[in-house]
C-alpha atoms as a PDB file:
ATOM      1  CA  MET A   1       0.000   0.000   0.000  1.00  0.00           C
ATOM      2  CA  ASN A   2       1.426   3.376  -0.958  1.00  0.00           C
ATOM      3  CA  PRO A   3       2.268   5.683   1.972  1.00  0.00           C
ATOM      4  CA  ALA A   4      -0.271   8.337   0.942  1.00  0.00           C
ATOM      5  CA  LEU A   5      -3.159   5.857   1.119  1.00  0.00           C
ATOM      6  CA  LYS A   6      -1.884   4.477   4.426  1.00  0.00           C
ATOM      7  CA  GLU A   7      -1.796   8.034   5.794  1.00  0.00           C
ATOM      8  CA  LEU A   8      -5.373   8.607   4.591  1.00  0.00           C
ATOM      9  CA  LEU A   9      -6.599   5.417   6.284  1.00  0.00           C
ATOM     10  CA  ASP A  10      -4.859   6.560   9.469  1.00  0.00           C
ATOM     11  CA  LEU A  11      -6.670   9.920   9.222  1.00  0.00           C
ATOM     12  CA  LEU A  12      -9.973   8.076   8.928  1.00  0.00           C
ATOM     13  CA  ASP A  13      -9.255   5.923  11.993  1.00  0.00           C
ATOM     14  CA  LEU A  14     -10.776   8.417  14.406  1.00  0.00           C
ATOM     15  CA  GLU A  15      -9.986   8.513  18.112  1.00  0.00           C
ATOM     16  CA  GLN A  16     -13.045   7.962  20.313  1.00  0.00           C
ATOM     17  CA  ILE A  17     -12.803  10.341  23.264  1.00  0.00           C
ATOM     18  CA  GLU A  18     -16.273   9.805  24.758  1.00  0.00           C
ATOM     19  CA  LEU A  19     -19.549   8.106  23.867  1.00  0.00           C
ATOM     20  CA  ASP A  20     -20.534   9.474  20.413  1.00  0.00           C
ATOM     21  CA  ILE A  21     -17.620  11.945  20.406  1.00  0.00           C
ATOM     22  CA  PHE A  22     -14.649  11.391  18.110  1.00  0.00           C
ATOM     23  CA  ARG A  23     -11.497  13.305  17.231  1.00  0.00           C
ATOM     24  CA  GLY A  24      -9.797  13.492  13.844  1.00  0.00           C
ATOM     25  CA  ARG A  25      -6.667  15.182  12.586  1.00  0.00           C
ATOM     26  CA  SER A  26      -5.448  16.571   9.261  1.00  0.00           C
ATOM     27  CA  PRO A  27      -2.300  15.728   7.284  1.00  0.00           C
ATOM     28  CA  ALA A  28       0.947  17.374   8.355  1.00  0.00           C
ATOM     29  CA  GLU A  29       1.076  19.530   5.218  1.00  0.00           C
ATOM     30  CA  GLN A  30       1.287  23.240   4.550  1.00  0.00           C
ATOM     31  CA  ILE A  31      -2.321  23.827   3.492  1.00  0.00           C
ATOM     32  CA  GLN A  32      -4.589  26.811   4.123  1.00  0.00           C
ATOM     33  CA  ARG A  33      -7.719  24.858   4.984  1.00  0.00           C
ATOM     34  CA  VAL A  34      -8.849  21.300   5.498  1.00  0.00           C
ATOM     35  CA  PHE A  35      -9.939  19.460   2.336  1.00  0.00           C
ATOM     36  CA  GLY A  36     -13.732  19.162   2.362  1.00  0.00           C
ATOM     37  CA  GLY A  37     -13.660  15.526   1.303  1.00  0.00           C
ATOM     38  CA  GLN A  38     -11.603  14.707   4.388  1.00  0.00           C
ATOM     39  CA  VAL A  39     -14.121  16.337   6.738  1.00  0.00           C
ATOM     40  CA  ALA A  40     -17.057  14.561   5.081  1.00  0.00           C
ATOM     41  CA  ALA A  41     -15.252  11.212   5.175  1.00  0.00           C
ATOM     42  CA  GLN A  42     -14.278  11.566   8.822  1.00  0.00           C
ATOM     43  CA  ALA A  43     -17.812  12.612   9.786  1.00  0.00           C
ATOM     44  CA  LEU A  44     -19.182   9.560   7.984  1.00  0.00           C
ATOM     45  CA  VAL A  45     -16.752   7.326   9.870  1.00  0.00           C
ATOM     46  CA  ALA A  46     -17.941   8.856  13.156  1.00  0.00           C
ATOM     47  CA  ALA A  47     -21.590   8.242  12.246  1.00  0.00           C
ATOM     48  CA  GLY A  48     -20.885   4.711  11.039  1.00  0.00           C
ATOM     49  CA  ARG A  49     -19.230   3.727  14.306  1.00  0.00           C
ATOM     50  CA  THR A  50     -22.537   4.264  16.129  1.00  0.00           C
ATOM     51  CA  VAL A  51     -24.564   2.086  13.734  1.00  0.00           C
ATOM     52  CA  PRO A  52     -24.802  -1.743  13.514  1.00  0.00           C
ATOM     53  CA  ALA A  53     -22.611  -3.171  10.744  1.00  0.00           C
ATOM     54  CA  GLU A  54     -25.581  -4.717   8.903  1.00  0.00           C
ATOM     55  CA  ARG A  55     -26.994  -1.237   8.195  1.00  0.00           C
ATOM     56  CA  ALA A  56     -25.258   0.324   5.212  1.00  0.00           C
ATOM     57  CA  VAL A  57     -25.002   4.037   4.424  1.00  0.00           C
ATOM     58  CA  HIS A  58     -27.581   4.974   1.800  1.00  0.00           C
ATOM     59  CA  SER A  59     -27.391   8.781   1.865  1.00  0.00           C
ATOM     60  CA  LEU A  60     -25.720  11.821   3.365  1.00  0.00           C
ATOM     61  CA  HIS A  61     -26.478  15.533   3.244  1.00  0.00           C
ATOM     62  CA  ALA A  62     -23.770  17.907   4.433  1.00  0.00           C
ATOM     63  CA  TYR A  63     -23.009  21.613   4.801  1.00  0.00           C
ATOM     64  CA  PHE A  64     -19.538  23.143   4.902  1.00  0.00           C
ATOM     65  CA  ILE A  65     -20.070  25.977   7.404  1.00  0.00           C
ATOM     66  CA  ARG A  66     -16.562  27.342   8.028  1.00  0.00           C
ATOM     67  CA  PRO A  67     -13.106  26.608   6.600  1.00  0.00           C
ATOM     68  CA  GLY A  68     -11.345  23.908   8.603  1.00  0.00           C
ATOM     69  CA  ASP A  69      -8.089  24.742  10.398  1.00  0.00           C
ATOM     70  CA  PRO A  70      -5.538  22.009   9.492  1.00  0.00           C
ATOM     71  CA  SER A  71      -3.339  22.849  12.495  1.00  0.00           C
ATOM     72  CA  VAL A  72      -5.805  21.625  15.150  1.00  0.00           C
ATOM     73  CA  PRO A  73      -7.951  18.469  15.548  1.00  0.00           C
ATOM     74  CA  ILE A  74     -11.597  18.326  14.522  1.00  0.00           C
ATOM     75  CA  VAL A  75     -14.033  17.029  17.138  1.00  0.00           C
ATOM     76  CA  TYR A  76     -17.031  15.146  15.740  1.00  0.00           C
ATOM     77  CA  HIS A  77     -20.173  14.922  17.858  1.00  0.00           C
ATOM     78  CA  VAL A  78     -22.721  12.295  16.777  1.00  0.00           C
ATOM     79  CA  ASP A  79     -26.403  12.754  17.589  1.00  0.00           C
ATOM     80  CA  ARG A  80     -28.350   9.476  17.496  1.00  0.00           C
ATOM     81  CA  VAL A  81     -31.482  10.933  15.926  1.00  0.00           C
ATOM     82  CA  ARG A  82     -33.350   7.681  15.333  1.00  0.00           C
ATOM     83  CA  ASP A  83     -32.906   3.910  15.382  1.00  0.00           C
ATOM     84  CA  GLY A  84     -35.848   2.422  13.505  1.00  0.00           C
ATOM     85  CA  ARG A  85     -36.604  -1.109  12.388  1.00  0.00           C
ATOM     86  CA  SER A  86     -35.245  -0.480   8.876  1.00  0.00           C
ATOM     87  CA  PHE A  87     -33.495   2.898   8.960  1.00  0.00           C
ATOM     88  CA  THR A  88     -31.006   4.580  11.265  1.00  0.00           C
ATOM     89  CA  THR A  89     -30.454   8.350  11.212  1.00  0.00           C
ATOM     90  CA  ARG A  90     -27.431  10.191  12.564  1.00  0.00           C
ATOM     91  CA  ARG A  91     -26.495  13.860  12.716  1.00  0.00           C
ATOM     92  CA  VAL A  92     -22.796  14.756  12.941  1.00  0.00           C
ATOM     93  CA  THR A  93     -21.284  18.137  13.772  1.00  0.00           C
ATOM     94  CA  GLY A  94     -17.594  18.878  13.219  1.00  0.00           C
ATOM     95  CA  ILE A  95     -16.243  21.420  15.725  1.00  0.00           C
ATOM     96  CA  GLN A  96     -13.058  23.507  15.869  1.00  0.00           C
ATOM     97  CA  HIS A  97     -12.243  26.427  18.172  1.00  0.00           C
ATOM     98  CA  GLY A  98     -15.634  25.948  19.835  1.00  0.00           C
ATOM     99  CA  LYS A  99     -17.573  26.544  16.602  1.00  0.00           C
ATOM    100  CA  ALA A 100     -19.260  24.253  14.097  1.00  0.00           C
ATOM    101  CA  ILE A 101     -17.358  24.005  10.811  1.00  0.00           C
ATOM    102  CA  PHE A 102     -19.376  21.141   9.290  1.00  0.00           C
ATOM    103  CA  SER A 103     -22.807  19.559   9.687  1.00  0.00           C
ATOM    104  CA  MET A 104     -24.019  16.288   8.185  1.00  0.00           C
ATOM    105  CA  SER A 105     -27.086  14.076   8.353  1.00  0.00           C
ATOM    106  CA  ALA A 106     -26.553  10.464   7.329  1.00  0.00           C
ATOM    107  CA  SER A 107     -29.051   7.661   6.883  1.00  0.00           C
ATOM    108  CA  PHE A 108     -28.379   3.917   7.102  1.00  0.00           C
ATOM    109  CA  HIS A 109     -30.634   1.141   5.812  1.00  0.00           C
ATOM    110  CA  ILE A 110     -30.874  -2.628   6.163  1.00  0.00           C
ATOM    111  CA  HIS A 111     -30.808  -4.658   2.943  1.00  0.00           C
ATOM    112  CA  GLU A 112     -34.297  -5.095   1.484  1.00  0.00           C
ATOM    113  CA  GLU A 113     -35.548  -6.624  -1.767  1.00  0.00           C
ATOM    114  CA  GLY A 114     -37.632  -4.311  -3.939  1.00  0.00           C
ATOM    115  CA  LEU A 115     -38.210  -2.717  -7.337  1.00  0.00           C
ATOM    116  CA  ALA A 116     -35.025  -2.127  -9.319  1.00  0.00           C
ATOM    117  CA  HIS A 117     -34.093  -0.219 -12.481  1.00  0.00           C
ATOM    118  CA  GLN A 118     -31.262   1.862 -13.894  1.00  0.00           C
ATOM    119  CA  ALA A 119     -32.385   4.382 -16.490  1.00  0.00           C
ATOM    120  CA  VAL A 120     -28.964   5.900 -17.180  1.00  0.00           C
ATOM    121  CA  GLY A 121     -26.013   4.155 -18.761  1.00  0.00           C
ATOM    122  CA  MET A 122     -22.327   4.722 -18.195  1.00  0.00           C
ATOM    123  CA  PRO A 123     -20.864   7.187 -20.734  1.00  0.00           C
ATOM    124  CA  ALA A 124     -18.741   5.710 -23.513  1.00  0.00           C
ATOM    125  CA  VAL A 125     -15.181   6.639 -22.520  1.00  0.00           C
ATOM    126  CA  PRO A 126     -11.763   5.009 -22.970  1.00  0.00           C
ATOM    127  CA  PRO A 127     -10.893   2.406 -20.318  1.00  0.00           C
ATOM    128  CA  PRO A 128      -8.713   3.650 -17.457  1.00  0.00           C
ATOM    129  CA  GLU A 129      -5.666   1.798 -18.758  1.00  0.00           C
ATOM    130  CA  GLU A 130      -5.749   4.010 -21.861  1.00  0.00           C
ATOM    131  CA  VAL A 131      -6.127   7.297 -19.942  1.00  0.00           C
ATOM    132  CA  PRO A 132      -2.939   9.090 -18.787  1.00  0.00           C
ATOM    133  CA  THR A 133      -2.353   9.386 -15.058  1.00  0.00           C
ATOM    134  CA  ILE A 134      -2.673  12.781 -13.423  1.00  0.00           C
ATOM    135  CA  GLN A 135       1.128  12.899 -13.139  1.00  0.00           C
ATOM    136  CA  GLU A 136       1.497  12.306 -16.873  1.00  0.00           C
ATOM    137  CA  ARG A 137      -1.112  14.977 -17.651  1.00  0.00           C
ATOM    138  CA  LEU A 138       0.608  17.449 -15.350  1.00  0.00           C
ATOM    139  CA  GLN A 139       4.063  16.657 -16.700  1.00  0.00           C
ATOM    140  CA  ALA A 140       2.859  17.605 -20.174  1.00  0.00           C
ATOM    141  CA  VAL A 141       1.740  21.004 -18.834  1.00  0.00           C
ATOM    142  CA  VAL A 142       4.636  22.005 -16.555  1.00  0.00           C
ATOM    143  CA  GLY A 143       7.500  20.197 -18.294  1.00  0.00           C
ATOM    144  CA  ASP A 144      10.728  20.266 -16.268  1.00  0.00           C
ATOM    145  CA  ASP A 145       9.733  23.159 -14.013  1.00  0.00           C
ATOM    146  CA  PRO A 146      11.554  22.403 -10.718  1.00  0.00           C
ATOM    147  CA  ASN A 147       8.772  24.069  -8.721  1.00  0.00           C
ATOM    148  CA  TRP A 148       6.481  21.188  -9.676  1.00  0.00           C
ATOM    149  CA  ARG A 149       8.977  18.369  -9.160  1.00  0.00           C
ATOM    150  CA  ASP A 150       7.852  17.556  -5.622  1.00  0.00           C
ATOM    151  CA  LEU A 151       4.166  17.477  -6.600  1.00  0.00           C
ATOM    152  CA  LEU A 152       4.858  15.170  -9.539  1.00  0.00           C
ATOM    153  CA  SER A 153       6.817  12.681  -7.445  1.00  0.00           C
ATOM    154  CA  ARG A 154       4.598  12.745  -4.367  1.00  0.00           C
ATOM    155  CA  PRO A 155       2.519   9.561  -3.773  1.00  0.00           C
ATOM    156  CA  ARG A 156      -1.240  10.088  -3.990  1.00  0.00           C
ATOM    157  CA  PRO A 157      -3.871   8.241  -1.955  1.00  0.00           C
ATOM    158  CA  VAL A 158      -6.119   7.767  -5.004  1.00  0.00           C
ATOM    159  CA  ASP A 159      -5.323   7.250  -8.680  1.00  0.00           C
ATOM    160  CA  LEU A 160      -7.321   9.946 -10.546  1.00  0.00           C
ATOM    161  CA  ARG A 161      -7.369   9.897 -14.347  1.00  0.00           C
ATOM    162  CA  TYR A 162      -9.090  12.770 -16.178  1.00  0.00           C
ATOM    163  CA  VAL A 163     -10.616  11.396 -19.378  1.00  0.00           C
ATOM    164  CA  ASN A 164     -10.899  14.859 -20.983  1.00  0.00           C
ATOM    165  CA  GLY A 165      -7.599  16.271 -19.741  1.00  0.00           C
ATOM    166  CA  LEU A 166      -6.802  18.428 -16.734  1.00  0.00           C
ATOM    167  CA  PRO A 167      -9.391  21.203 -16.339  1.00  0.00           C
ATOM    168  CA  TRP A 168      -6.867  23.102 -14.199  1.00  0.00           C
ATOM    169  CA  GLY A 169      -3.854  22.390 -16.364  1.00  0.00           C
ATOM    170  CA  SER A 170      -3.811  25.867 -17.861  1.00  0.00           C
ATOM    171  CA  GLY A 171      -4.921  29.340 -16.877  1.00  0.00           C
ATOM    172  CA  GLU A 172      -7.965  29.834 -19.088  1.00  0.00           C
ATOM    173  CA  GLY A 173      -9.411  28.102 -22.121  1.00  0.00           C
ATOM    174  CA  GLU A 174     -12.490  27.747 -24.269  1.00  0.00           C
ATOM    175  CA  THR A 175     -15.908  27.895 -22.646  1.00  0.00           C
ATOM    176  CA  GLY A 176     -18.853  25.608 -23.122  1.00  0.00           C
ATOM    177  CA  ALA A 177     -17.785  22.154 -21.825  1.00  0.00           C
ATOM    178  CA  THR A 178     -20.322  21.371 -19.110  1.00  0.00           C
ATOM    179  CA  GLU A 179     -19.343  17.726 -18.516  1.00  0.00           C
ATOM    180  CA  GLN A 180     -16.237  15.787 -17.575  1.00  0.00           C
ATOM    181  CA  SER A 181     -15.383  12.220 -16.601  1.00  0.00           C
ATOM    182  CA  VAL A 182     -12.731  10.932 -14.218  1.00  0.00           C
ATOM    183  CA  TRP A 183     -11.651   7.368 -13.517  1.00  0.00           C
ATOM    184  CA  PHE A 184     -10.534   6.736  -9.939  1.00  0.00           C
ATOM    185  CA  ARG A 185      -9.273   3.812  -7.901  1.00  0.00           C
ATOM    186  CA  TYR A 186      -7.490   3.264  -4.599  1.00  0.00           C
ATOM    187  CA  ASP A 187      -4.729   0.691  -4.190  1.00  0.00           C
ATOM    188  CA  GLU A 188      -5.830  -2.930  -4.018  1.00  0.00           C
ATOM    189  CA  GLY A 189      -5.918  -4.665  -0.680  1.00  0.00           C
ATOM    190  CA  LEU A 190      -8.343  -2.408   1.201  1.00  0.00           C
ATOM    191  CA  PRO A 191     -10.260  -3.999   4.097  1.00  0.00           C
ATOM    192  CA  ASP A 192     -13.544  -5.686   3.232  1.00  0.00           C
ATOM    193  CA  ASP A 193     -15.525  -3.398   5.565  1.00  0.00           C
ATOM    194  CA  PRO A 194     -18.157  -1.769   3.266  1.00  0.00           C
ATOM    195  CA  LEU A 195     -18.028   1.458   5.295  1.00  0.00           C
ATOM    196  CA  ILE A 196     -14.371   1.992   4.316  1.00  0.00           C
ATOM    197  CA  HIS A 197     -15.241   1.858   0.604  1.00  0.00           C
ATOM    198  CA  VAL A 198     -18.192   4.238   1.026  1.00  0.00           C
ATOM    199  CA  VAL A 199     -16.047   6.656   3.039  1.00  0.00           C
ATOM    200  CA  LEU A 200     -13.258   6.604   0.442  1.00  0.00           C
ATOM    201  CA  ALA A 201     -15.784   7.325  -2.326  1.00  0.00           C
ATOM    202  CA  ALA A 202     -17.020  10.294  -0.278  1.00  0.00           C
ATOM    203  CA  TYR A 203     -13.426  11.506   0.038  1.00  0.00           C
ATOM    204  CA  ALA A 204     -12.833  11.268  -3.728  1.00  0.00           C
ATOM    205  CA  SER A 205     -16.192  12.824  -4.610  1.00  0.00           C
ATOM    206  CA  ASP A 206     -15.080  16.327  -3.563  1.00  0.00           C
ATOM    207  CA  PHE A 207     -11.941  16.506  -5.722  1.00  0.00           C
ATOM    208  CA  THR A 208     -13.409  17.462  -9.088  1.00  0.00           C
ATOM    209  CA  LEU A 209     -16.932  18.901  -8.794  1.00  0.00           C
ATOM    210  CA  VAL A 210     -15.859  22.552  -8.597  1.00  0.00           C
ATOM    211  CA  ASP A 211     -13.617  21.873 -11.625  1.00  0.00           C
ATOM    212  CA  THR A 212     -16.718  20.966 -13.612  1.00  0.00           C
ATOM    213  CA  VAL A 213     -18.364  24.343 -12.990  1.00  0.00           C
ATOM    214  CA  LEU A 214     -15.137  26.227 -13.784  1.00  0.00           C
ATOM    215  CA  LEU A 215     -14.712  24.237 -16.986  1.00  0.00           C
ATOM    216  CA  ALA A 216     -18.012  25.579 -18.344  1.00  0.00           C
ATOM    217  CA  HIS A 217     -16.556  29.096 -18.197  1.00  0.00           C
ATOM    218  CA  GLY A 218     -13.080  28.326 -19.462  1.00  0.00           C
ATOM    219  CA  LEU A 219     -11.618  28.897 -16.001  1.00  0.00           C
ATOM    220  CA  SER A 220      -9.328  26.861 -13.784  1.00  0.00           C
ATOM    221  CA  TRP A 221      -7.743  27.019 -10.346  1.00  0.00           C
ATOM    222  CA  ARG A 222      -4.741  28.748 -11.959  1.00  0.00           C
ATOM    223  CA  SER A 223      -6.768  31.508 -13.633  1.00  0.00           C
ATOM    224  CA  PRO A 224      -5.795  35.012 -12.409  1.00  0.00           C
ATOM    225  CA  ARG A 225      -9.503  35.929 -12.397  1.00  0.00           C
ATOM    226  CA  MET A 226     -10.280  33.459  -9.604  1.00  0.00           C
ATOM    227  CA  THR A 227     -10.645  35.077  -6.176  1.00  0.00           C
ATOM    228  CA  ALA A 228     -12.448  32.440  -4.085  1.00  0.00           C
ATOM    229  CA  THR A 229     -13.874  28.916  -4.372  1.00  0.00           C
ATOM    230  CA  ALA A 230     -15.385  26.650  -1.726  1.00  0.00           C
ATOM    231  CA  SER A 231     -17.791  23.755  -1.366  1.00  0.00           C
ATOM    232  CA  LEU A 232     -21.052  24.895   0.227  1.00  0.00           C
ATOM    233  CA  ASP A 233     -23.102  21.726   0.538  1.00  0.00           C
ATOM    234  CA  HIS A 234     -22.751  18.132  -0.574  1.00  0.00           C
ATOM    235  CA  ALA A 235     -25.210  15.263  -0.943  1.00  0.00           C
ATOM    236  CA  MET A 236     -24.607  11.609  -1.842  1.00  0.00           C
ATOM    237  CA  TRP A 237     -26.825   8.568  -2.394  1.00  0.00           C
ATOM    238  CA  PHE A 238     -25.269   5.096  -2.318  1.00  0.00           C
ATOM    239  CA  HIS A 239     -27.248   2.712  -4.506  1.00  0.00           C
ATOM    240  CA  ARG A 240     -25.348  -0.581  -4.393  1.00  0.00           C
ATOM    241  CA  PRO A 241     -22.235  -2.127  -2.825  1.00  0.00           C
ATOM    242  CA  PHE A 242     -18.917  -1.406  -4.571  1.00  0.00           C
ATOM    243  CA  ARG A 243     -15.196  -1.536  -3.914  1.00  0.00           C
ATOM    244  CA  ALA A 244     -13.153   1.663  -3.993  1.00  0.00           C
ATOM    245  CA  ASP A 245     -10.030  -0.350  -4.857  1.00  0.00           C
ATOM    246  CA  GLN A 246     -11.581  -1.232  -8.221  1.00  0.00           C
ATOM    247  CA  TRP A 247     -11.956   1.264 -11.061  1.00  0.00           C
ATOM    248  CA  MET A 248     -14.972   3.568 -10.928  1.00  0.00           C
ATOM    249  CA  LEU A 249     -16.006   6.189 -13.483  1.00  0.00           C
ATOM    250  CA  TYR A 250     -17.084   9.518 -11.980  1.00  0.00           C
ATOM    251  CA  HIS A 251     -19.116  11.374 -14.611  1.00  0.00           C
ATOM    252  CA  GLN A 252     -19.973  14.991 -13.727  1.00  0.00           C
ATOM    253  CA  GLU A 253     -22.044  17.786 -15.224  1.00  0.00           C
ATOM    254  CA  THR A 254     -23.008  21.326 -14.291  1.00  0.00           C
ATOM    255  CA  PRO A 255     -26.571  22.400 -15.128  1.00  0.00           C
ATOM    256  CA  TRP A 256     -26.385  25.923 -13.648  1.00  0.00           C
ATOM    257  CA  ALA A 257     -24.224  28.704 -12.224  1.00  0.00           C
ATOM    258  CA  GLY A 258     -25.186  32.163 -10.961  1.00  0.00           C
ATOM    259  CA  ASN A 259     -25.165  34.511  -7.989  1.00  0.00           C
ATOM    260  CA  ALA A 260     -21.541  33.494  -7.241  1.00  0.00           C
ATOM    261  CA  ARG A 261     -22.621  29.856  -6.910  1.00  0.00           C
ATOM    262  CA  GLY A 262     -22.460  26.816  -9.167  1.00  0.00           C
ATOM    263  CA  LEU A 263     -24.240  23.455  -9.124  1.00  0.00           C
ATOM    264  CA  ALA A 264     -22.530  20.200 -10.090  1.00  0.00           C
ATOM    265  CA  ARG A 265     -23.944  16.683 -10.312  1.00  0.00           C
ATOM    266  CA  GLY A 266     -22.014  13.442 -10.459  1.00  0.00           C
ATOM    267  CA  GLN A 267     -22.624   9.736 -11.000  1.00  0.00           C
ATOM    268  CA  MET A 268     -20.179   6.992 -10.050  1.00  0.00           C
ATOM    269  CA  PHE A 269     -20.316   3.809 -12.116  1.00  0.00           C
ATOM    270  CA  THR A 270     -18.549   0.520 -11.548  1.00  0.00           C
ATOM    271  CA  ALA A 271     -16.302  -0.596 -14.396  1.00  0.00           C
ATOM    272  CA  SER A 272     -19.093  -2.957 -15.500  1.00  0.00           C
ATOM    273  CA  GLY A 273     -21.509  -0.014 -15.906  1.00  0.00           C
ATOM    274  CA  GLU A 274     -23.611  -0.280 -12.743  1.00  0.00           C
ATOM    275  CA  LEU A 275     -24.665   3.033 -11.188  1.00  0.00           C
ATOM    276  CA  ALA A 276     -23.279   2.914  -7.639  1.00  0.00           C
ATOM    277  CA  VAL A 277     -23.387   6.490  -6.300  1.00  0.00           C
ATOM    278  CA  SER A 278     -25.128   9.784  -7.139  1.00  0.00           C
ATOM    279  CA  VAL A 279     -23.662  13.106  -5.993  1.00  0.00           C
ATOM    280  CA  VAL A 280     -24.835  16.740  -5.974  1.00  0.00           C
ATOM    281  CA  GLN A 281     -22.827  19.717  -4.759  1.00  0.00           C
ATOM    282  CA  GLU A 282     -23.253  23.471  -4.750  1.00  0.00           C
ATOM    283  CA  CYS A 283     -20.083  25.537  -4.599  1.00  0.00           C
ATOM    284  CA  LEU A 284     -19.069  29.151  -4.105  1.00  0.00           C
ATOM    285  CA  ILE A 285     -17.170  30.714  -7.030  1.00  0.00           C
ATOM    286  CA  ARG A 286     -16.039  34.334  -7.027  1.00  0.00           C
ATOM    287  CA  VAL A 287     -14.204  35.918  -9.940  1.00  0.00           C
ATOM    288  CA  SER A 288     -12.714  39.389 -10.344  1.00  0.00           C
ATOM    289  CA  ASP A 289     -14.857  40.117 -13.401  1.00  0.00           C
ATOM    290  CA  VAL A 290     -17.937  38.113 -14.299  1.00  0.00           C
ATOM    291  CA  THR A 291     -18.546  36.767 -17.794  1.00  0.00           C
ATOM    292  CA  LYS A 292     -21.749  34.827 -18.416  1.00  0.00           C
ATOM    293  CA  LEU A 293     -21.658  31.650 -20.496  1.00  0.00           C
END
């Protein structure tokens, strides 16, 4: 297992400091704020540890309230809202410096037989083996720039492969692309615990949604016009069991942006084409001068 993934699994192994109270930390890196996917994943771990193993996560709805401070731990308080015969509901609040930075409601469900259909198919894209790695994509953009050498060589916890190229690989580009697809997979050998795979999908889900909104306007993280971006809220529905250490296609689209906000939707498919997860996120995007699409 690569050291970056091992470090991520360690971050997700929360310390229990009291009944329904857990403590998590952030990586020892020079970052301005905690990655939203980390907070959501840790909160989901906290909720899951108060629920019987036979009840799987089926949905979560979260709000990013304040930027997380990576220099101090995050305390997660779990409220046991309801334990029903079929469903379990939990509310989790992430706290730093005495204030809430994150709030999430999560629902868990026993397995039940019922109606089943899948009306949407997986987009036709090249298989992951034919898509360049993120390091290869980035190398083509930055060349031999020594300032990027450390980033290119640094192990990553998840293998992300942008089918359509890096949306943040250049400063600005053409507008109009409102969709993108990304293959992702964690190293093989993850534990069989279904909660781990759900949590790792939640972690990966926050990497590229803002990119999708920026892409529609020919912008990227490196654009000089960008002044602020942040995830505002995040919702996920888990439709079937899957393994995060097997390839999944994350197809995303943005139907709307306005009022300094943008909406992005995503669907995660297994490599065999089964819809496993649906995602919706609204994000904050501020630019120095506004140009409508």
